[in-house]
Amino acid sequence: MEERLYDLIFICRPDTPEPEIDKLIATLQHAAEEKQAKVEKVEKWGTRRLAYRVKRLREGFFVYMLLRSSHGELLKELERRLRVSDAVVKYLTIRLDEEIKRQQKFARRRERRAARRPRKTAVAPATPGAAPPAPEQAAARG
């Protein structure tokens, strides 16, 4: 089975102490390592204002994780742990490799189309102060 790339973002309550958030991150990392997944990046974005109220809260502590895994069961387990945790208000998991594949497919398609199209030659603009066309050329046009 091929490896897949995932973004996992979760929001904790703003009054959650930092050690408890670190413990939750460590728990998620340990669960990922049990399933032979790789946690490539963990970023604590800190307390931010939410766009709308979630469970009567106006702000939350954001945490971002980048995961690489070949087991789909891993995400079910991580989401289960996030759902059970009292500190977590919301979470979102996004599969990135499909989006990357789609962008590469569109780029290849654009390149093929560009290769098929004939190149337009640029016409040099008339320079100011240049001599007007000769009368015989003007008569031949009109």
Protein backbone atom coordinates (compact mmCIF):
# COMPACT_ATOMS: atom_id res chain seq x y z
CA MET A 1 0.00 0.00 0.00
CA GLU A 2 1.31 3.44 -0.84
CA GLU A 3 2.12 6.10 1.71
CA ARG A 4 -0.32 8.93 2.07
CA LEU A 5 0.14 12.43 3.41
CA TYR A 6 -2.31 13.94 5.91
CA ASP A 7 -2.84 17.28 7.63
CA LEU A 8 -4.34 17.04 11.11
CA ILE A 9 -5.44 20.25 12.78
CA PHE A 10 -7.16 20.31 16.13
CA ILE A 11 -8.38 23.08 18.41
CA CYS A 12 -8.13 22.83 22.17
CA ARG A 13 -9.92 24.91 24.77
CA PRO A 14 -8.02 28.19 25.36
CA ASP A 15 -7.80 27.57 29.12
CA THR A 16 -6.06 24.20 28.63
CA PRO A 17 -2.61 24.25 30.27
CA GLU A 18 0.38 23.88 27.95
CA PRO A 19 1.63 20.62 29.58
CA GLU A 20 -1.74 18.99 28.93
CA ILE A 21 -1.58 19.97 25.24
CA ASP A 22 1.98 18.58 25.06
CA LYS A 23 0.74 15.33 26.64
CA LEU A 24 -2.05 15.08 24.03
CA ILE A 25 0.44 15.67 21.19
CA ALA A 26 2.76 13.01 22.65
CA THR A 27 -0.16 10.56 22.87
CA LEU A 28 -1.03 11.16 19.21
CA GLN A 29 2.60 10.77 18.16
CA HIS A 30 2.89 7.51 20.10
CA ALA A 31 -0.29 6.16 18.49
CA ALA A 32 1.10 7.10 15.06
CA GLU A 33 4.40 5.34 15.74
CA GLU A 34 2.53 2.18 16.80
CA LYS A 35 0.97 2.05 13.29
CA GLN A 36 4.37 2.68 11.61
CA ALA A 37 3.40 6.24 10.64
CA LYS A 38 5.72 9.21 10.57
CA VAL A 39 4.88 12.51 12.22
CA GLU A 40 6.82 14.89 9.99
CA LYS A 41 5.86 18.18 11.59
CA VAL A 42 4.12 19.45 14.71
CA GLU A 43 3.37 23.14 15.08
CA LYS A 44 1.64 24.87 17.96
CA TRP A 45 -0.07 27.89 16.45
CA GLY A 46 -1.20 29.21 19.82
CA THR A 47 -4.43 30.85 20.88
CA ARG A 48 -6.44 32.35 18.03
CA ARG A 49 -9.88 33.80 17.62
CA LEU A 50 -12.45 31.49 16.04
CA ALA A 51 -14.65 32.59 13.13
CA TYR A 52 -17.75 31.52 15.06
CA ARG A 53 -18.57 30.13 18.48
CA VAL A 54 -17.77 26.49 19.06
CA LYS A 55 -19.12 24.98 22.28
CA ARG A 56 -19.63 28.53 23.62
CA LEU A 57 -15.98 29.45 23.03
CA ARG A 58 -14.75 32.37 20.96
CA GLU A 59 -11.08 31.35 20.80
CA GLY A 60 -9.02 28.19 20.89
CA PHE A 61 -5.48 26.83 20.94
CA PHE A 62 -4.57 25.49 17.47
CA VAL A 63 -2.19 22.57 16.84
CA TYR A 64 -1.08 21.40 13.37
CA MET A 65 0.40 17.99 12.56
CA LEU A 66 1.70 16.64 9.26
CA LEU A 67 1.52 12.83 9.05
CA ARG A 68 2.76 10.27 6.54
CA SER A 69 1.14 6.84 6.77
CA SER A 70 0.10 3.83 4.74
CA HIS A 71 -2.55 2.64 7.25
CA GLY A 72 -6.06 4.08 7.08
CA GLU A 73 -6.74 2.68 10.55
CA LEU A 74 -4.32 5.24 11.97
CA LEU A 75 -6.64 8.14 11.22
CA LYS A 76 -9.60 6.40 12.78
CA GLU A 77 -7.56 5.85 15.93
CA LEU A 78 -6.27 9.44 16.07
CA GLU A 79 -9.73 10.90 15.49
CA ARG A 80 -11.16 8.59 18.17
CA ARG A 81 -8.58 9.86 20.65
CA LEU A 82 -9.32 13.47 19.73
CA ARG A 83 -13.07 12.88 20.07
CA VAL A 84 -12.62 11.36 23.55
CA SER A 85 -10.35 14.13 24.80
CA ASP A 86 -12.12 16.79 26.86
CA ALA A 87 -9.62 19.49 25.89
CA VAL A 88 -10.27 19.17 22.13
CA VAL A 89 -13.08 21.32 20.78
CA LYS A 90 -12.75 20.53 17.06
CA TYR A 91 -10.45 18.63 14.71
CA LEU A 92 -10.02 18.23 10.97
CA THR A 93 -8.04 15.68 8.96
CA ILE A 94 -7.24 16.34 5.30
CA ARG A 95 -5.66 13.91 2.88
CA LEU A 96 -3.08 15.91 0.93
CA ASP A 97 -1.67 13.42 -1.56
CA GLU A 98 -4.89 13.38 -3.63
CA GLU A 99 -4.79 17.16 -3.95
CA ILE A 100 -1.11 17.09 -4.92
CA LYS A 101 -1.82 14.43 -7.56
CA ARG A 102 -4.71 16.50 -8.93
CA GLN A 103 -2.53 19.62 -9.18
CA GLN A 104 0.20 17.66 -10.99
CA LYS A 105 -2.39 16.25 -13.40
CA PHE A 106 -3.68 19.76 -14.23
CA ALA A 107 -0.12 21.01 -14.71
CA ARG A 108 0.63 18.19 -17.18
CA ARG A 109 -2.61 18.94 -19.03
CA ARG A 110 -1.72 22.65 -19.28
CA GLU A 111 1.74 21.77 -20.61
CA ARG A 112 0.27 19.46 -23.29
CA ARG A 113 -2.22 22.13 -24.37
CA ALA A 114 0.51 24.76 -24.51
CA ALA A 115 2.66 22.45 -26.65
CA ARG A 116 -0.20 21.90 -29.14
CA ARG A 117 -1.06 25.59 -29.57
CA PRO A 118 0.86 27.46 -32.26
CA ARG A 119 2.88 30.33 -30.90
CA LYS A 120 1.63 33.75 -31.88
CA THR A 121 4.27 36.05 -33.29
CA ALA A 122 4.35 39.43 -31.68
CA VAL A 123 3.75 42.38 -33.97
CA ALA A 124 6.13 45.24 -33.34
CA PRO A 125 4.23 48.36 -32.22
CA ALA A 126 4.50 51.45 -34.40
CA THR A 127 7.10 53.82 -33.06
CA PRO A 128 6.14 57.46 -32.67
CA GLY A 129 7.76 59.70 -35.27
CA ALA A 130 8.01 56.95 -37.86
CA ALA A 131 7.25 57.89 -41.45
CA PRO A 132 3.67 57.23 -42.65
CA PRO A 133 3.23 54.57 -45.36
CA ALA A 134 3.85 55.59 -48.95
CA PRO A 135 0.77 56.72 -50.96
CA GLU A 136 0.95 53.73 -53.34
CA GLN A 137 0.87 51.34 -50.36
CA ALA A 138 -2.11 53.21 -48.87
CA ALA A 139 -3.97 53.01 -52.22
CA ALA A 140 -3.27 49.29 -52.51
CA ARG A 141 -4.80 48.69 -49.06
CA GLY A 142 -7.98 50.68 -49.54
